[in-house]
N, C-alpha and C. Protein backbone atom coordinates (compact mmCIF):
# COMPACT_ATOMS: atom_id res chain seq x y z
N MET A 1 174.29 137.77 14.40
CA MET A 1 173.02 136.91 13.98
C MET A 1 172.87 136.43 12.45
N THR A 2 172.56 135.26 12.18
CA THR A 2 172.06 134.61 10.95
C THR A 2 170.63 135.22 10.45
N LYS A 3 170.65 135.38 9.06
CA LYS A 3 169.20 135.57 8.57
C LYS A 3 168.08 134.69 9.47
N GLN A 4 168.55 133.57 9.48
CA GLN A 4 167.47 132.46 9.85
C GLN A 4 167.05 133.07 11.32
N GLU A 5 168.07 133.15 12.12
CA GLU A 5 167.86 133.64 13.54
C GLU A 5 167.22 135.20 13.40
N TYR A 6 167.42 135.74 12.66
CA TYR A 6 166.64 137.18 12.72
C TYR A 6 165.38 137.25 12.62
N GLU A 7 164.97 136.25 11.33
CA GLU A 7 163.71 135.99 10.73
C GLU A 7 162.89 135.23 11.70
N ALA A 8 163.74 134.60 12.78
CA ALA A 8 162.73 133.88 13.81
C ALA A 8 162.08 135.00 14.67
N PHE A 9 162.37 136.21 14.84
CA PHE A 9 161.64 137.37 15.61
C PHE A 9 160.55 137.77 14.58
N ASN A 10 160.25 137.58 13.33
CA ASN A 10 159.14 137.77 12.59
C ASN A 10 157.78 137.51 13.31
N CYS A 11 156.92 138.49 13.26
CA CYS A 11 155.33 138.14 13.80
C CYS A 11 154.84 137.06 13.07
N TRP A 12 154.33 136.19 13.60
CA TRP A 12 153.73 135.02 13.29
C TRP A 12 152.69 135.53 12.07
N ASP A 13 151.89 136.42 12.40
CA ASP A 13 150.57 136.99 11.73
C ASP A 13 151.00 138.16 10.82
N CYS A 14 151.84 139.13 11.19
CA CYS A 14 152.00 140.31 10.26
C CYS A 14 153.05 140.31 9.60
N ASN A 15 154.27 139.70 10.12
CA ASN A 15 155.73 139.14 9.69
C ASN A 15 156.49 140.59 9.96
N VAL A 16 156.12 141.31 10.57
CA VAL A 16 156.81 142.29 11.27
C VAL A 16 158.09 141.93 11.94
N ASN A 17 159.27 142.56 11.90
CA ASN A 17 160.27 142.16 12.79
C ASN A 17 159.99 142.41 14.29
N THR A 18 159.73 141.70 15.24
CA THR A 18 159.56 142.42 16.51
C THR A 18 160.78 142.73 17.38
N LEU A 19 161.98 142.41 16.68
CA LEU A 19 163.19 143.27 17.42
C LEU A 19 163.36 144.63 16.75
N GLU A 20 162.96 144.72 15.53
CA GLU A 20 163.01 145.88 14.75
C GLU A 20 162.19 146.79 15.42
N ILE A 21 161.07 146.69 15.76
CA ILE A 21 159.98 147.57 16.30
C ILE A 21 159.93 147.53 17.96
N ASP A 22 160.99 146.90 18.35
CA ASP A 22 161.32 146.95 20.03
C ASP A 22 160.11 146.13 20.66
N GLU A 23 159.50 145.17 20.24
CA GLU A 23 158.31 144.53 20.84
C GLU A 23 158.86 143.10 20.87
N TYR A 24 159.74 142.91 21.95
CA TYR A 24 160.27 141.50 22.51
C TYR A 24 159.78 141.51 23.90
N TYR A 25 158.95 140.78 24.28
CA TYR A 25 158.36 140.61 25.57
C TYR A 25 157.92 139.14 25.63
N MET A 26 157.58 139.15 26.91
CA MET A 26 156.77 137.56 27.42
C MET A 26 155.50 138.05 27.99
N VAL A 27 154.50 137.21 27.77
CA VAL A 27 152.96 137.38 28.74
C VAL A 27 152.93 136.03 29.43
N ASP A 28 152.28 136.02 30.48
CA ASP A 28 151.72 135.01 30.92
C ASP A 28 151.47 133.67 30.17
N ASP A 29 151.95 132.60 30.83
CA ASP A 29 151.82 131.46 29.68
C ASP A 29 150.48 130.82 29.50
N GLU A 30 149.73 131.10 30.54
CA GLU A 30 148.13 130.80 30.12
C GLU A 30 147.39 131.73 29.03
N LEU A 31 147.80 132.92 29.18
CA LEU A 31 147.38 133.89 28.45
C LEU A 31 147.85 133.71 26.84
N TRP A 32 149.16 133.44 26.83
CA TRP A 32 149.84 133.04 25.31
C TRP A 32 149.21 131.65 24.79
N ARG A 33 148.90 130.84 25.65
CA ARG A 33 148.26 129.67 25.32
C ARG A 33 147.03 130.00 24.68
N SER A 34 146.38 130.70 25.50
CA SER A 34 145.05 130.93 25.09
C SER A 34 144.98 131.63 23.53
N ALA A 35 145.75 132.28 23.29
CA ALA A 35 145.92 133.10 21.76
C ALA A 35 146.58 132.26 20.87
N THR A 36 147.17 131.39 20.99
CA THR A 36 148.06 130.54 20.18
C THR A 36 147.47 129.00 20.09
N ASP A 37 146.45 128.93 20.63
CA ASP A 37 145.94 127.37 20.80
C ASP A 37 145.80 126.48 19.47
N GLU A 38 145.86 127.20 18.36
CA GLU A 38 145.57 126.41 17.06
C GLU A 38 147.05 125.78 16.74
N LEU A 39 148.09 126.36 17.40
CA LEU A 39 149.45 126.19 16.69
C LEU A 39 149.88 124.80 17.32
N ASP A 40 150.73 124.03 16.78
CA ASP A 40 151.24 122.81 17.27
C ASP A 40 152.63 123.15 18.20
N THR A 41 153.24 124.26 17.98
CA THR A 41 154.41 124.65 18.86
C THR A 41 154.07 126.06 19.17
N PRO A 42 153.42 126.40 20.02
CA PRO A 42 153.09 127.92 20.09
C PRO A 42 154.17 128.71 20.88
N MET A 43 154.84 128.03 21.63
CA MET A 43 156.13 128.59 22.23
C MET A 43 157.20 128.88 21.12
N ASP A 44 157.31 128.47 19.94
CA ASP A 44 158.14 128.80 19.14
C ASP A 44 157.75 129.85 18.02
N ILE A 45 156.79 130.73 18.37
CA ILE A 45 156.76 131.82 17.54
C ILE A 45 156.52 133.23 18.41
N MET A 46 156.70 134.16 17.55
CA MET A 46 156.61 135.52 17.91
C MET A 46 155.46 136.35 17.54
N LEU A 47 154.74 137.13 18.23
CA LEU A 47 153.60 138.21 18.02
C LEU A 47 154.18 139.23 18.25
N CYS A 48 153.76 140.29 17.50
CA CYS A 48 154.01 141.83 17.84
C CYS A 48 152.56 141.91 19.00
N VAL A 49 152.61 143.09 19.58
CA VAL A 49 151.76 143.50 20.58
C VAL A 49 150.41 143.68 19.84
N GLY A 50 150.31 144.34 18.74
CA GLY A 50 149.05 144.53 18.18
C GLY A 50 148.20 142.96 17.53
N CYS A 51 149.11 142.19 16.86
CA CYS A 51 148.53 140.97 16.68
C CYS A 51 148.10 139.95 17.85
N LEU A 52 148.97 140.10 18.79
CA LEU A 52 148.39 139.31 20.17
C LEU A 52 147.46 139.95 20.67
N GLU A 53 146.93 141.15 20.70
CA GLU A 53 145.85 141.92 21.36
C GLU A 53 144.65 141.48 20.02
N SER A 54 144.86 141.58 19.07
CA SER A 54 143.74 141.02 17.89
C SER A 54 143.38 139.64 18.22
N ARG A 55 144.35 138.78 18.51
CA ARG A 55 144.04 137.46 18.59
C ARG A 55 143.10 137.04 20.18
N LEU A 56 143.49 138.13 21.27
CA LEU A 56 142.82 137.80 22.37
C LEU A 56 141.73 138.66 22.49
N GLY A 57 141.45 139.78 21.72
CA GLY A 57 140.37 140.61 21.68
C GLY A 57 140.23 141.65 22.47
N GLY A 58 141.32 142.38 22.91
CA GLY A 58 141.32 143.30 23.86
C GLY A 58 142.79 143.69 24.15
N LYS A 59 143.11 144.85 24.88
CA LYS A 59 144.52 145.23 25.11
C LYS A 59 145.04 144.44 26.41
N LEU A 60 146.41 144.38 26.39
CA LEU A 60 147.33 143.81 27.32
C LEU A 60 147.33 144.88 28.52
N VAL A 61 147.34 144.59 29.62
CA VAL A 61 147.64 145.35 30.77
C VAL A 61 148.73 144.80 31.51
N ALA A 62 149.60 145.68 32.44
CA ALA A 62 150.71 145.24 33.24
C ALA A 62 150.67 143.97 33.99
N SER A 63 149.42 143.39 34.42
CA SER A 63 149.41 142.30 35.05
C SER A 63 149.73 141.05 34.01
N ASP A 64 149.58 141.48 32.72
CA ASP A 64 149.76 140.05 31.75
C ASP A 64 151.15 139.90 31.73
N PHE A 65 152.01 140.72 32.14
CA PHE A 65 153.46 140.30 31.71
C PHE A 65 154.21 140.02 33.04
N PRO A 66 154.69 138.67 32.98
CA PRO A 66 155.37 138.18 34.51
C PRO A 66 156.70 139.19 34.68
N GLU A 67 156.85 139.08 35.94
CA GLU A 67 158.13 139.91 36.35
C GLU A 67 159.26 139.09 36.20
N LEU A 68 159.70 139.48 34.77
CA LEU A 68 161.00 139.07 34.31
C LEU A 68 161.96 139.97 33.62
N PRO A 69 163.17 139.74 33.73
CA PRO A 69 163.94 140.89 33.27
C PRO A 69 163.50 141.41 31.72
N ILE A 70 163.08 140.70 30.80
CA ILE A 70 162.73 140.85 29.38
C ILE A 70 161.66 142.06 29.51
N ASN A 71 160.88 141.80 30.48
CA ASN A 71 159.94 142.73 30.86
C ASN A 71 160.02 144.08 31.43
N ARG A 72 161.07 144.19 31.94
CA ARG A 72 161.59 145.18 33.05
C ARG A 72 162.83 145.80 32.59
N GLY A 73 162.98 146.33 31.47
CA GLY A 73 164.04 147.27 31.10
C GLY A 73 164.98 146.40 30.54
N PHE A 74 165.08 144.93 30.18
CA PHE A 74 166.00 144.36 29.66
C PHE A 74 166.37 144.95 27.88
N PHE A 75 165.30 145.16 27.45
CA PHE A 75 165.41 145.46 26.19
C PHE A 75 164.65 147.08 25.98
N PRO A 76 165.14 147.70 24.70
CA PRO A 76 164.18 149.01 24.73
C PRO A 76 162.89 148.69 24.20
N TYR A 77 161.84 149.39 24.42
CA TYR A 77 160.40 149.22 24.12
C TYR A 77 159.63 150.12 23.28
N SER A 78 158.86 149.46 22.22
CA SER A 78 158.23 150.55 21.47
C SER A 78 157.17 151.37 22.57
N THR A 79 156.55 152.44 22.11
CA THR A 79 155.89 153.13 22.84
C THR A 79 154.21 152.23 23.33
N ARG A 80 153.98 151.53 22.11
CA ARG A 80 152.88 150.80 22.58
C ARG A 80 153.23 149.70 23.56
N LEU A 81 154.39 148.77 23.48
CA LEU A 81 154.54 147.83 24.48
C LEU A 81 154.98 148.54 25.95
N LEU A 82 155.41 149.73 26.03
CA LEU A 82 155.66 150.47 27.04
C LEU A 82 154.52 150.78 27.75
N ASN A 83 153.50 151.19 26.88
CA ASN A 83 152.18 151.63 27.60
C ASN A 83 151.48 150.34 28.17
N ARG A 84 151.66 149.17 27.53
CA ARG A 84 150.95 148.06 28.11
C ARG A 84 151.62 147.42 29.59
N LEU A 85 153.02 147.74 29.35
CA LEU A 85 153.83 147.37 30.72
C LEU A 85 153.41 148.26 31.87
N THR A 86 152.72 149.36 31.51
CA THR A 86 152.74 150.42 32.57
C THR A 86 151.15 150.49 32.77
N ASN A 87 150.13 150.03 32.02
CA ASN A 87 149.01 150.18 32.31
C ASN A 87 148.47 148.99 33.18
N VAL A 88 147.77 149.50 33.82
CA VAL A 88 147.03 148.61 34.95
C VAL A 88 145.46 148.31 34.58
N SER A 89 144.95 148.89 33.62
CA SER A 89 143.51 148.69 33.28
C SER A 89 143.41 148.83 31.72
N ASN A 90 142.32 148.27 31.24
CA ASN A 90 141.89 148.45 29.91
C ASN A 90 141.64 150.03 29.57
């Protein structure tokens, strides 16, 4: 992976690398758009779980994550992300 490819995984808000902290995931498109509506290309950025929750004003829950391999054991998960993937309520 090139430096440019690696840096593409940096959180847009806090600049932490989401791969390094094991927070590579996908949420529902509508939820993502509501958190990134000010951006011209919202699908081209990464956000760590904390920054996405900050933008949304609340914690993510399991139903926010679509049934995709990326959200179901495809990658290792941080404790925070694993908690959100398995929590059904705030």
